[in-house]
């Protein structure tokens, strides 16, 4: 999808490649799992209302300058090397002016219509549900789990709780329920009494889950 939109990243005439800004949005979303608003405001230059990308040290400060933190956490995160190389090139070649996602040299407030056009251009199936900008965040979380990333570190990188990450994407992890699958073919332990592991307080666990 991004290959079609970037087309080897040659030139940046919006008249010839009107969805180039969407390609940059997609790359940033897939490689960082950042929310759409923070990507739209991302800039290599510090300023009020902008999410700052430190290209020298490779850090994405996702919370826009001057804005207070909310429940939708946007912690700073290191930028993957492949994406960082793209971002540095966009600045070096003048592909962008002030923001990484901009059209006609100006920042965009929303990429919904452009993203919708990109989905159509890529002929993506929507049978399983709509493909939206937030889908990129889901994809990033899924990739991290599929690649066996440490859940605590992955959650910190994405800016979500470990509980949400595991409840929603944990089944993609290669170690998901692997211990249970292995245990079912092993011999019973001497610590097992009447089919219940003495080291596990099942009643207390159920009560905690009920309250949650």
Protein backbone atom coordinates (compact mmCIF):
# COMPACT_ATOMS: atom_id res chain seq x y z
CA UNK A 1 0.00 0.00 0.00
CA UNK A 2 2.71 2.48 0.98
CA UNK A 3 4.81 1.43 -2.02
CA UNK A 4 2.06 2.47 -4.40
CA UNK A 5 1.61 5.80 -2.67
CA UNK A 6 5.26 6.71 -2.34
CA UNK A 7 6.30 5.32 -5.73
CA UNK A 8 10.00 5.30 -4.85
CA UNK A 9 9.62 8.64 -3.04
CA UNK A 10 10.47 10.59 -6.23
CA UNK A 11 9.51 14.27 -5.96
CA UNK A 12 6.72 15.66 -3.81
CA UNK A 13 4.36 17.46 -6.21
CA UNK A 14 0.92 17.06 -4.51
CA UNK A 15 -0.73 17.52 -7.91
CA UNK A 16 0.95 14.40 -9.24
CA UNK A 17 0.96 12.38 -6.01
CA UNK A 18 -1.91 13.70 -3.87
CA UNK A 19 -1.68 10.83 -1.38
CA UNK A 20 2.03 11.07 -0.59
CA UNK A 21 1.20 12.56 2.83
CA UNK A 22 -0.97 9.51 3.55
CA UNK A 23 1.98 7.24 2.74
CA UNK A 24 4.08 9.05 5.34
CA UNK A 25 1.20 8.83 7.81
CA UNK A 26 0.93 5.08 7.24
CA UNK A 27 4.65 4.47 7.74
CA UNK A 28 4.71 6.41 11.01
CA UNK A 29 1.55 4.68 12.23
CA UNK A 30 2.76 1.17 11.44
CA UNK A 31 6.23 1.59 12.90
CA UNK A 32 5.23 3.42 16.09
CA UNK A 33 1.58 2.52 16.77
CA UNK A 34 0.97 6.21 17.53
CA UNK A 35 -2.54 7.67 17.57
CA UNK A 36 -3.63 9.61 14.49
CA UNK A 37 -3.72 13.01 16.18
CA UNK A 38 -0.12 12.79 17.37
CA UNK A 39 1.05 11.69 13.94
CA UNK A 40 -0.76 14.59 12.26
CA UNK A 41 0.93 17.09 14.58
CA UNK A 42 4.37 15.46 14.40
CA UNK A 43 7.13 17.88 13.43
CA UNK A 44 10.94 17.94 13.37
CA UNK A 45 10.70 21.40 14.93
CA UNK A 46 9.61 22.20 18.49
CA UNK A 47 6.56 24.45 18.72
CA UNK A 48 3.31 24.76 20.65
CA UNK A 49 0.69 22.28 19.53
CA UNK A 50 3.20 20.03 17.80
CA UNK A 51 4.42 16.53 18.64
CA UNK A 52 8.19 16.79 18.45
CA UNK A 53 10.37 14.29 16.60
CA UNK A 54 13.98 14.49 17.74
CA UNK A 55 15.79 13.29 14.61
CA UNK A 56 19.22 13.53 16.22
CA UNK A 57 18.47 11.16 19.08
CA UNK A 58 15.63 9.24 17.42
CA UNK A 59 12.91 10.00 19.97
CA UNK A 60 9.24 10.72 19.19
CA UNK A 61 7.71 13.01 21.85
CA UNK A 62 4.11 12.21 21.03
CA UNK A 63 2.35 14.50 23.49
CA UNK A 64 1.98 17.83 21.70
CA UNK A 65 3.78 20.72 23.35
CA UNK A 66 1.47 22.73 25.60
CA UNK A 67 -1.12 19.97 25.98
CA UNK A 68 -1.84 18.10 29.19
CA UNK A 69 -1.62 14.31 29.41
CA UNK A 70 -4.94 12.44 29.22
CA UNK A 71 -6.04 8.85 29.77
CA UNK A 72 -4.98 8.17 26.18
CA UNK A 73 -1.32 8.01 27.07
CA UNK A 74 1.21 9.34 24.58
CA UNK A 75 4.63 8.69 26.14
CA UNK A 76 7.91 9.42 24.33
CA UNK A 77 9.18 6.44 22.35
CA UNK A 78 12.31 5.54 20.38
CA UNK A 79 11.84 5.58 16.60
CA UNK A 80 12.69 2.33 14.75
CA UNK A 81 15.82 2.77 12.62
CA UNK A 82 14.06 2.10 9.32
CA UNK A 83 11.46 4.79 9.97
CA UNK A 84 14.07 7.19 11.34
CA UNK A 85 16.01 6.93 8.07
CA UNK A 86 12.85 7.86 6.13
CA UNK A 87 12.08 10.81 8.39
CA UNK A 88 15.60 12.19 8.17
CA UNK A 89 15.49 11.92 4.39
CA UNK A 90 12.12 13.72 4.18
CA UNK A 91 13.63 16.65 6.04
CA UNK A 92 16.95 16.57 4.20
CA UNK A 93 15.36 16.54 0.73
CA UNK A 94 12.72 19.14 1.55
CA UNK A 95 9.88 16.67 1.07
CA UNK A 96 8.21 18.30 4.08
CA UNK A 97 8.14 21.90 5.33
CA UNK A 98 7.01 21.88 8.96
CA UNK A 99 5.17 18.59 9.60
CA UNK A 100 5.74 15.01 8.56
CA UNK A 101 2.14 14.77 7.37
CA UNK A 102 1.28 17.85 5.34
CA UNK A 103 -0.44 18.76 2.10
CA UNK A 104 0.65 21.68 -0.08
CA UNK A 105 3.20 22.57 2.57
CA UNK A 106 0.65 22.84 5.39
CA UNK A 107 -0.20 20.50 8.26
CA UNK A 108 -3.42 18.52 7.93
CA UNK A 109 -6.02 18.33 10.68
CA UNK A 110 -7.45 15.01 9.53
CA UNK A 111 -6.38 12.23 7.17
CA UNK A 112 -9.74 10.44 7.12
CA UNK A 113 -10.71 11.27 3.53
CA UNK A 114 -7.20 10.72 2.19
CA UNK A 115 -6.86 7.47 4.10
CA UNK A 116 -10.19 6.31 2.72
CA UNK A 117 -8.92 7.00 -0.81
CA UNK A 118 -5.73 5.05 -0.08
CA UNK A 119 -7.74 2.06 1.17
CA UNK A 120 -9.70 2.10 -2.07
CA UNK A 121 -6.56 2.47 -4.18
CA UNK A 122 -4.97 -0.50 -2.41
CA UNK A 123 -8.18 -2.51 -2.87
CA UNK A 124 -8.16 -3.61 0.75
CA UNK A 125 -11.00 -5.87 1.85
CA UNK A 126 -13.38 -4.37 4.41
CA UNK A 127 -15.39 -7.55 4.97
CA UNK A 128 -13.94 -7.96 8.47
CA UNK A 129 -14.62 -4.31 9.29
CA UNK A 130 -13.63 -0.80 8.27
CA UNK A 131 -9.98 0.02 7.64
CA UNK A 132 -9.35 3.33 9.41
CA UNK A 133 -6.29 5.30 10.58
CA UNK A 134 -6.64 3.59 13.97
CA UNK A 135 -6.16 0.24 12.22
CA UNK A 136 -2.46 1.08 12.02
CA UNK A 137 -2.24 1.10 15.82
CA UNK A 138 -3.93 -2.31 15.95
CA UNK A 139 -1.49 -3.60 13.35
CA UNK A 140 1.55 -2.32 15.24
CA UNK A 141 0.37 -4.01 18.45
CA UNK A 142 -0.31 -7.25 16.59
CA UNK A 143 3.13 -7.24 14.96
CA UNK A 144 4.84 -6.69 18.31
CA UNK A 145 3.05 -9.67 19.80
CA UNK A 146 3.62 -11.90 16.76
CA UNK A 147 7.34 -11.13 16.97
CA UNK A 148 7.46 -12.15 20.62
CA UNK A 149 8.11 -8.71 22.10
CA UNK A 150 8.12 -8.41 25.88
CA UNK A 151 4.54 -7.34 26.77
CA UNK A 152 5.66 -4.78 29.35
CA UNK A 153 8.06 -3.12 26.90
CA UNK A 154 5.59 -3.34 24.00
CA UNK A 155 2.86 -1.71 26.09
CA UNK A 156 5.21 1.11 27.07
CA UNK A 157 6.22 1.65 23.45
CA UNK A 158 2.60 1.82 22.28
CA UNK A 159 1.36 3.89 25.20
CA UNK A 160 -1.23 1.42 26.50
CA UNK A 161 -1.56 -0.69 29.62
CA UNK A 162 -0.17 -4.21 29.73
CA UNK A 163 -3.67 -5.45 30.56
CA UNK A 164 -5.19 -3.94 27.42
CA UNK A 165 -2.32 -5.21 25.28
CA UNK A 166 -2.59 -8.78 26.54
CA UNK A 167 -6.40 -8.89 26.60
CA UNK A 168 -6.68 -7.60 23.06
CA UNK A 169 -3.54 -8.79 21.29
CA UNK A 170 -1.97 -11.37 23.62
CA UNK A 171 -3.26 -14.34 21.61
CA UNK A 172 -0.89 -13.34 18.78
CA UNK A 173 2.18 -13.88 20.98
CA UNK A 174 4.07 -17.12 20.19
CA UNK A 175 4.14 -17.96 23.91
CA UNK A 176 0.38 -17.45 24.37
CA UNK A 177 -0.92 -20.38 26.46
CA UNK A 178 2.18 -22.37 25.47
CA UNK A 179 2.72 -23.48 29.08
CA UNK A 180 -0.84 -24.79 29.27
CA UNK A 181 -0.43 -26.70 26.01
CA UNK A 182 2.79 -28.27 27.30
CA UNK A 183 1.33 -29.04 30.74
CA UNK A 184 -1.54 -31.09 29.36
CA UNK A 185 0.87 -33.80 28.20
CA UNK A 186 3.08 -33.86 31.32
CA UNK A 187 2.73 -36.12 34.34
CA UNK A 188 0.79 -34.75 37.34
CA UNK A 189 2.89 -33.03 39.98
CA UNK A 190 3.00 -34.29 43.55
CA UNK A 191 1.69 -30.89 44.61
CA UNK A 192 -1.62 -31.54 42.83
CA UNK A 193 -4.44 -32.48 45.22
CA UNK A 194 -7.82 -33.50 43.80
CA UNK A 195 -6.99 -31.88 40.47
CA UNK A 196 -6.21 -28.47 42.01
CA UNK A 197 -2.71 -26.99 42.33
CA UNK A 198 -2.19 -26.17 46.00
CA UNK A 199 -0.13 -23.14 45.02
CA UNK A 200 -3.06 -21.43 43.29
CA UNK A 201 -5.93 -19.87 45.21
CA UNK A 202 -8.65 -20.25 42.56
CA UNK A 203 -11.35 -18.77 44.77
CA UNK A 204 -9.35 -15.59 45.32
CA UNK A 205 -8.55 -15.39 41.60
CA UNK A 206 -12.22 -15.68 40.63
CA UNK A 207 -13.15 -13.02 43.17
CA UNK A 208 -10.56 -10.61 41.75
CA UNK A 209 -11.85 -11.20 38.23
CA UNK A 210 -15.45 -10.70 39.37
CA UNK A 211 -14.62 -7.33 40.94
CA UNK A 212 -12.63 -6.25 37.87
